[in-house]
Amino acid sequence: MTELVEPAPPAGPAADPVHPGGAGRPGDQRRPAPTPHWCDRCGESVAESPHEACTAARALEPPRWCAHCRRRMKVQVVPTGWSAVCVEHGEIRG
């Protein structure tokens, strides 16, 4: 099972380019995450090929690329699971 962990809101009143109106404010309406455009294992476009090998490998491996922005993620594997962090979209765990 994979869970998405939201990043902490920014400390100052600076505008958030992803979530207009500022993140973490009362009444803030966040947009849903966009549909993934990139394979989270190889980083290539999901529209160009089916990625059956990547899907099979992901049953045993954590993601290495952010499926939303194609950034390489920081991945940590521990005996109880894994966590992967994208600087733009936050942390996911499995």
Protein backbone atom coordinates (compact mmCIF):
# COMPACT_ATOMS: atom_id res chain seq x y z
CA MET A 1 0.00 0.00 0.00
CA THR A 2 1.31 3.44 -0.88
CA GLU A 3 0.36 6.59 0.99
CA LEU A 4 0.97 10.19 0.01
CA VAL A 5 2.36 12.41 2.74
CA GLU A 6 1.76 16.12 2.12
CA PRO A 7 4.79 18.40 2.55
CA ALA A 8 4.72 20.92 5.39
CA PRO A 9 3.15 24.29 4.47
CA PRO A 10 5.55 27.20 3.86
CA ALA A 11 6.40 29.30 6.90
CA GLY A 12 5.77 32.72 5.34
CA PRO A 13 2.88 34.35 3.51
CA ALA A 14 4.61 33.78 0.13
CA ALA A 15 2.35 32.63 -2.67
CA ASP A 16 2.47 28.98 -3.60
CA PRO A 17 2.71 28.58 -7.42
CA VAL A 18 1.14 25.11 -7.35
CA HIS A 19 -1.72 26.02 -5.02
CA PRO A 20 -2.79 29.65 -5.59
CA GLY A 21 -3.94 31.43 -2.48
CA GLY A 22 -1.25 29.89 -0.27
CA ALA A 23 -0.90 26.43 1.18
CA GLY A 24 -2.07 25.47 4.62
CA ARG A 25 -4.40 28.41 5.17
CA PRO A 26 -7.94 27.87 6.50
CA GLY A 27 -10.40 27.50 3.65
CA ASP A 28 -7.61 26.75 1.17
CA GLN A 29 -8.96 24.75 -1.77
CA ARG A 30 -6.22 22.53 -3.19
CA ARG A 31 -6.50 21.15 -6.67
CA PRO A 32 -6.31 17.35 -7.04
CA ALA A 33 -2.98 15.93 -8.17
CA PRO A 34 -2.68 15.80 -11.95
CA THR A 35 -2.85 12.50 -13.80
CA PRO A 36 0.63 10.90 -13.93
CA HIS A 37 2.38 11.50 -17.25
CA TRP A 38 5.68 9.76 -16.45
CA CYS A 39 6.65 6.24 -15.42
CA ASP A 40 7.75 6.29 -11.76
CA ARG A 41 10.35 3.59 -12.39
CA CYS A 42 12.13 4.59 -15.63
CA GLY A 43 11.05 8.25 -15.98
CA GLU A 44 9.78 7.89 -19.55
CA SER A 45 6.36 8.95 -20.87
CA VAL A 46 3.51 6.56 -20.06
CA ALA A 47 1.77 7.53 -23.31
CA GLU A 48 4.61 6.31 -25.56
CA SER A 49 4.79 2.66 -24.45
CA PRO A 50 2.92 0.28 -22.12
CA HIS A 51 5.72 -0.21 -19.48
CA GLU A 52 4.78 -3.80 -18.52
CA ALA A 53 8.32 -4.49 -17.26
CA CYS A 54 8.22 -1.37 -15.08
CA THR A 55 4.83 -2.34 -13.66
CA ALA A 56 6.14 -5.81 -12.79
CA ALA A 57 9.31 -4.43 -11.22
CA ARG A 58 7.38 -1.87 -9.16
CA ALA A 59 5.75 -4.73 -7.25
CA LEU A 60 9.12 -5.19 -5.50
CA GLU A 61 10.86 -1.80 -5.88
CA PRO A 62 10.08 1.76 -4.75
CA PRO A 63 9.49 4.49 -7.34
CA ARG A 64 12.58 6.37 -8.51
CA TRP A 65 11.00 9.21 -10.54
CA CYS A 66 8.08 11.50 -9.72
CA ALA A 67 5.16 10.49 -11.94
CA HIS A 68 3.88 14.09 -12.04
CA CYS A 69 6.97 16.20 -12.77
CA ARG A 70 9.65 13.67 -13.84
CA ARG A 71 12.08 14.73 -11.11
CA ARG A 72 14.42 12.12 -9.65
CA MET A 73 13.25 11.39 -6.10
CA LYS A 74 15.23 10.80 -2.93
CA VAL A 75 14.44 7.19 -1.96
CA GLN A 76 15.10 5.47 1.36
CA VAL A 77 14.53 1.74 1.80
CA VAL A 78 14.23 0.28 5.31
CA PRO A 79 13.26 -3.24 6.47
CA THR A 80 9.67 -2.13 7.12
CA GLY A 81 9.10 -0.36 3.79
CA TRP A 82 10.31 2.64 1.79
CA SER A 83 9.81 6.37 1.37
CA ALA A 84 10.36 8.52 -1.72
CA VAL A 85 10.47 12.32 -1.65
CA CYS A 86 9.87 14.71 -4.56
CA VAL A 87 10.85 18.30 -3.79
CA GLU A 88 7.73 19.53 -5.61
CA HIS A 89 5.06 16.95 -4.69
CA GLY A 90 6.11 15.67 -1.27
CA GLU A 91 6.62 12.19 0.14
CA ILE A 92 5.05 8.84 -0.64
CA ARG A 93 5.52 5.70 1.43
CA GLY A 94 5.03 2.03 0.81
